[in-house]
N, C-alpha and C. Protein backbone atom coordinates (compact mmCIF):
# COMPACT_ATOMS: atom_id res chain seq x y z
N UNK A 1 -1.88 -6.65 -14.56
CA UNK A 1 -3.03 -5.82 -14.22
C UNK A 1 -4.21 -6.70 -13.84
N UNK A 2 -5.00 -6.26 -12.91
CA UNK A 2 -6.12 -7.04 -12.45
C UNK A 2 -7.37 -6.88 -13.31
N UNK A 3 -7.44 -5.83 -14.09
CA UNK A 3 -8.67 -5.58 -14.85
C UNK A 3 -8.63 -6.19 -16.25
N UNK A 4 -7.57 -6.89 -16.60
CA UNK A 4 -7.48 -7.52 -17.90
C UNK A 4 -6.96 -6.61 -18.99
N UNK A 5 -6.34 -5.51 -18.64
CA UNK A 5 -5.85 -4.56 -19.62
C UNK A 5 -4.34 -4.69 -19.81
N UNK A 6 -3.86 -5.92 -19.84
CA UNK A 6 -2.42 -6.15 -19.95
C UNK A 6 -1.82 -5.53 -21.22
N UNK A 7 -2.53 -5.68 -22.34
CA UNK A 7 -2.03 -5.13 -23.60
C UNK A 7 -1.94 -3.61 -23.56
N UNK A 8 -2.95 -2.98 -23.02
CA UNK A 8 -2.97 -1.52 -22.89
C UNK A 8 -1.87 -1.06 -21.95
N UNK A 9 -1.68 -1.80 -20.87
CA UNK A 9 -0.64 -1.46 -19.91
C UNK A 9 0.73 -1.51 -20.56
N UNK A 10 0.98 -2.56 -21.32
CA UNK A 10 2.28 -2.71 -21.99
C UNK A 10 2.50 -1.60 -23.02
N UNK A 11 1.47 -1.26 -23.78
CA UNK A 11 1.58 -0.18 -24.76
C UNK A 11 1.89 1.15 -24.07
N UNK A 12 1.20 1.41 -22.98
CA UNK A 12 1.42 2.66 -22.24
C UNK A 12 2.85 2.71 -21.71
N UNK A 13 3.34 1.60 -21.18
CA UNK A 13 4.71 1.55 -20.66
C UNK A 13 5.73 1.80 -21.79
N UNK A 14 5.48 1.22 -22.95
CA UNK A 14 6.37 1.42 -24.10
C UNK A 14 6.37 2.88 -24.54
N UNK A 15 5.19 3.49 -24.56
CA UNK A 15 5.08 4.90 -24.95
C UNK A 15 5.80 5.80 -23.95
N UNK A 16 5.64 5.54 -22.68
CA UNK A 16 6.34 6.33 -21.66
C UNK A 16 7.85 6.19 -21.79
N UNK A 17 8.30 4.97 -22.02
CA UNK A 17 9.74 4.74 -22.19
C UNK A 17 10.26 5.45 -23.43
N UNK A 18 9.50 5.38 -24.54
CA UNK A 18 9.89 6.05 -25.78
C UNK A 18 9.97 7.56 -25.60
N UNK A 19 9.16 8.10 -24.69
CA UNK A 19 9.16 9.53 -24.42
C UNK A 19 10.27 9.93 -23.46
N UNK A 20 11.07 8.94 -23.05
CA UNK A 20 12.19 9.23 -22.17
C UNK A 20 11.84 9.19 -20.68
N UNK A 21 10.67 8.70 -20.37
CA UNK A 21 10.26 8.60 -18.97
C UNK A 21 10.51 7.20 -18.44
N UNK A 22 10.50 7.07 -17.13
CA UNK A 22 10.70 5.76 -16.51
C UNK A 22 9.43 5.36 -15.77
N UNK A 23 8.60 4.51 -16.39
CA UNK A 23 7.36 4.10 -15.71
C UNK A 23 7.67 3.32 -14.44
N UNK A 24 6.77 3.45 -13.47
CA UNK A 24 6.94 2.72 -12.22
C UNK A 24 6.86 1.22 -12.46
N UNK A 25 7.53 0.49 -11.62
CA UNK A 25 7.50 -0.97 -11.67
C UNK A 25 6.10 -1.44 -11.30
N UNK A 26 5.60 -2.43 -12.04
CA UNK A 26 4.30 -3.00 -11.72
C UNK A 26 4.44 -3.95 -10.54
N UNK A 27 3.45 -3.98 -9.68
CA UNK A 27 3.47 -4.84 -8.50
C UNK A 27 2.49 -5.98 -8.69
N UNK A 28 2.85 -7.13 -8.16
CA UNK A 28 1.99 -8.29 -8.35
C UNK A 28 0.80 -8.29 -7.39
N UNK A 29 0.95 -7.69 -6.21
CA UNK A 29 -0.16 -7.62 -5.27
C UNK A 29 -0.16 -6.24 -4.63
N UNK A 30 -1.27 -5.89 -4.02
CA UNK A 30 -1.39 -4.58 -3.37
C UNK A 30 -0.30 -4.34 -2.35
N UNK A 31 -0.03 -5.34 -1.53
CA UNK A 31 0.91 -5.12 -0.43
C UNK A 31 2.36 -5.06 -0.89
N UNK A 32 2.65 -5.37 -2.16
CA UNK A 32 4.01 -5.23 -2.67
C UNK A 32 4.47 -3.77 -2.61
N UNK A 33 3.53 -2.84 -2.63
CA UNK A 33 3.87 -1.42 -2.65
C UNK A 33 4.21 -0.90 -1.26
N UNK A 34 3.96 -1.69 -0.23
CA UNK A 34 4.16 -1.24 1.14
C UNK A 34 5.52 -1.66 1.69
N UNK A 35 6.09 -0.79 2.51
CA UNK A 35 7.30 -1.16 3.24
C UNK A 35 6.90 -2.15 4.33
N UNK A 36 7.88 -2.81 4.93
CA UNK A 36 7.55 -3.76 5.99
C UNK A 36 6.90 -3.04 7.17
N UNK A 37 7.33 -1.83 7.46
CA UNK A 37 6.76 -1.06 8.56
C UNK A 37 5.30 -0.68 8.26
N UNK A 38 5.05 -0.27 7.01
CA UNK A 38 3.68 0.07 6.60
C UNK A 38 2.79 -1.16 6.65
N UNK A 39 3.32 -2.29 6.20
CA UNK A 39 2.56 -3.53 6.20
C UNK A 39 2.17 -3.93 7.64
N UNK A 40 3.12 -3.76 8.56
CA UNK A 40 2.88 -4.08 9.96
C UNK A 40 1.80 -3.17 10.55
N UNK A 41 1.90 -1.88 10.27
CA UNK A 41 0.90 -0.93 10.76
C UNK A 41 -0.47 -1.21 10.16
N UNK A 42 -0.52 -1.51 8.87
CA UNK A 42 -1.78 -1.81 8.21
C UNK A 42 -2.42 -3.06 8.80
N UNK A 43 -1.62 -4.05 9.07
CA UNK A 43 -2.14 -5.29 9.65
C UNK A 43 -2.74 -5.02 11.03
N UNK A 44 -2.03 -4.23 11.83
CA UNK A 44 -2.53 -3.91 13.17
C UNK A 44 -3.83 -3.10 13.09
N UNK A 45 -3.87 -2.13 12.18
CA UNK A 45 -5.07 -1.30 12.02
C UNK A 45 -6.25 -2.17 11.57
N UNK A 46 -5.98 -3.09 10.66
CA UNK A 46 -7.04 -3.97 10.16
C UNK A 46 -7.58 -4.87 11.27
N UNK A 47 -6.75 -5.17 12.23
CA UNK A 47 -7.17 -6.03 13.35
C UNK A 47 -7.79 -5.22 14.49
N UNK A 48 -7.96 -3.91 14.27
CA UNK A 48 -8.68 -3.08 15.22
C UNK A 48 -7.85 -2.36 16.27
N UNK A 49 -6.52 -2.38 16.12
CA UNK A 49 -5.67 -1.67 17.08
C UNK A 49 -5.82 -0.16 16.89
N UNK A 50 -5.67 0.57 17.97
CA UNK A 50 -5.76 2.03 17.93
C UNK A 50 -4.44 2.61 17.42
N UNK A 51 -4.49 3.89 17.04
CA UNK A 51 -3.27 4.57 16.61
C UNK A 51 -2.22 4.54 17.72
N UNK A 52 -2.65 4.71 18.93
CA UNK A 52 -1.75 4.69 20.07
C UNK A 52 -1.07 3.33 20.24
N UNK A 53 -1.84 2.27 20.09
CA UNK A 53 -1.28 0.92 20.19
C UNK A 53 -0.29 0.64 19.06
N UNK A 54 -0.64 1.10 17.86
CA UNK A 54 0.25 0.91 16.71
C UNK A 54 1.55 1.67 16.93
N UNK A 55 1.44 2.91 17.40
CA UNK A 55 2.62 3.72 17.67
C UNK A 55 3.53 3.04 18.69
N UNK A 56 2.94 2.52 19.75
CA UNK A 56 3.73 1.86 20.79
C UNK A 56 4.45 0.64 20.23
N UNK A 57 3.75 -0.16 19.44
CA UNK A 57 4.35 -1.37 18.85
C UNK A 57 5.49 -1.02 17.89
N UNK A 58 5.34 0.10 17.17
CA UNK A 58 6.36 0.51 16.19
C UNK A 58 7.42 1.44 16.80
N UNK A 59 7.34 1.65 18.10
CA UNK A 59 8.30 2.52 18.80
C UNK A 59 8.37 3.92 18.18
N UNK A 60 7.20 4.51 18.01
CA UNK A 60 7.12 5.85 17.45
C UNK A 60 6.00 6.61 18.17
N UNK A 61 5.78 7.85 17.78
CA UNK A 61 4.69 8.59 18.42
C UNK A 61 3.40 8.40 17.61
N UNK A 62 2.30 8.79 18.22
CA UNK A 62 1.00 8.56 17.61
C UNK A 62 0.84 9.32 16.30
N UNK A 63 1.37 10.53 16.22
CA UNK A 63 1.26 11.33 15.00
C UNK A 63 1.98 10.64 13.84
N UNK A 64 3.14 10.04 14.12
CA UNK A 64 3.89 9.33 13.08
C UNK A 64 3.11 8.09 12.62
N UNK A 65 2.44 7.43 13.55
CA UNK A 65 1.63 6.26 13.19
C UNK A 65 0.47 6.68 12.29
N UNK A 66 -0.14 7.81 12.59
CA UNK A 66 -1.25 8.32 11.76
C UNK A 66 -0.75 8.64 10.35
N UNK A 67 0.42 9.28 10.26
CA UNK A 67 1.00 9.58 8.93
C UNK A 67 1.32 8.30 8.17
N UNK A 68 1.83 7.31 8.87
CA UNK A 68 2.17 6.04 8.25
C UNK A 68 0.92 5.36 7.70
N UNK A 69 -0.14 5.35 8.49
CA UNK A 69 -1.40 4.74 8.02
C UNK A 69 -2.02 5.54 6.88
N UNK A 70 -1.83 6.84 6.89
CA UNK A 70 -2.32 7.67 5.79
C UNK A 70 -1.61 7.29 4.49
N UNK A 71 -0.31 7.07 4.57
CA UNK A 71 0.47 6.65 3.41
C UNK A 71 0.00 5.28 2.92
N UNK A 72 -0.26 4.38 3.85
CA UNK A 72 -0.76 3.05 3.51
C UNK A 72 -2.07 3.15 2.74
N UNK A 73 -2.99 3.91 3.26
CA UNK A 73 -4.31 4.05 2.63
C UNK A 73 -4.20 4.69 1.25
N UNK A 74 -3.32 5.68 1.13
CA UNK A 74 -3.11 6.34 -0.16
C UNK A 74 -2.55 5.34 -1.18
N UNK A 75 -1.56 4.55 -0.77
CA UNK A 75 -0.96 3.57 -1.68
C UNK A 75 -1.95 2.49 -2.10
N UNK A 76 -2.81 2.08 -1.18
CA UNK A 76 -3.75 1.00 -1.47
C UNK A 76 -5.07 1.50 -2.04
N UNK A 77 -5.26 2.81 -2.03
CA UNK A 77 -6.49 3.38 -2.58
C UNK A 77 -7.72 3.03 -1.75
N UNK A 78 -7.56 3.06 -0.44
CA UNK A 78 -8.67 2.73 0.45
C UNK A 78 -8.60 3.62 1.69
N UNK A 79 -9.51 3.40 2.59
CA UNK A 79 -9.43 4.07 3.88
C UNK A 79 -9.19 2.98 4.93
N UNK A 80 -9.14 3.40 6.16
CA UNK A 80 -8.82 2.45 7.23
C UNK A 80 -9.82 1.30 7.31
N UNK A 81 -11.09 1.57 7.01
CA UNK A 81 -12.11 0.51 7.07
C UNK A 81 -11.93 -0.52 5.96
N UNK A 82 -11.19 -0.18 4.92
CA UNK A 82 -10.97 -1.10 3.82
C UNK A 82 -9.72 -1.96 3.97
N UNK A 83 -8.97 -1.76 5.04
CA UNK A 83 -7.76 -2.56 5.26
C UNK A 83 -8.13 -3.96 5.71
N UNK A 84 -7.37 -4.95 5.22
CA UNK A 84 -7.56 -6.34 5.63
C UNK A 84 -6.28 -6.82 6.30
N UNK A 85 -6.40 -7.71 7.27
CA UNK A 85 -5.19 -8.27 7.89
C UNK A 85 -4.32 -8.93 6.82
N UNK A 86 -3.02 -8.83 6.98
CA UNK A 86 -2.08 -9.38 5.99
C UNK A 86 -2.29 -10.88 5.81
N UNK A 87 -2.61 -11.58 6.87
CA UNK A 87 -2.78 -13.02 6.78
C UNK A 87 -4.13 -13.41 6.20
N UNK A 88 -5.00 -12.43 5.95
CA UNK A 88 -6.34 -12.70 5.39
C UNK A 88 -6.22 -12.95 3.90
N UNK A 89 -6.53 -14.15 3.41
CA UNK A 89 -6.34 -14.48 1.99
C UNK A 89 -7.36 -13.85 1.06
N UNK A 90 -8.43 -13.25 1.56
CA UNK A 90 -9.45 -12.68 0.67
C UNK A 90 -9.20 -11.25 0.36
């Protein structure tokens, strides 16, 4: 966890498991949650490409590209303006 709540996270995972539930796998970085296609779309969007350009690069239609970027933003907890290029270390 990035906020320093590792102990709380572990306790919560143990409680969920004890209750018979299967907690989601923890990810080491934000982009671990993205598929390769989502990561590619996010990178293009972060670099200023339009939905149409992203769709063309991914061999899909513009509506599918918009849905893909919506999923990316939901997973990362941001909007399109908060996306950073994949190669950006910050």
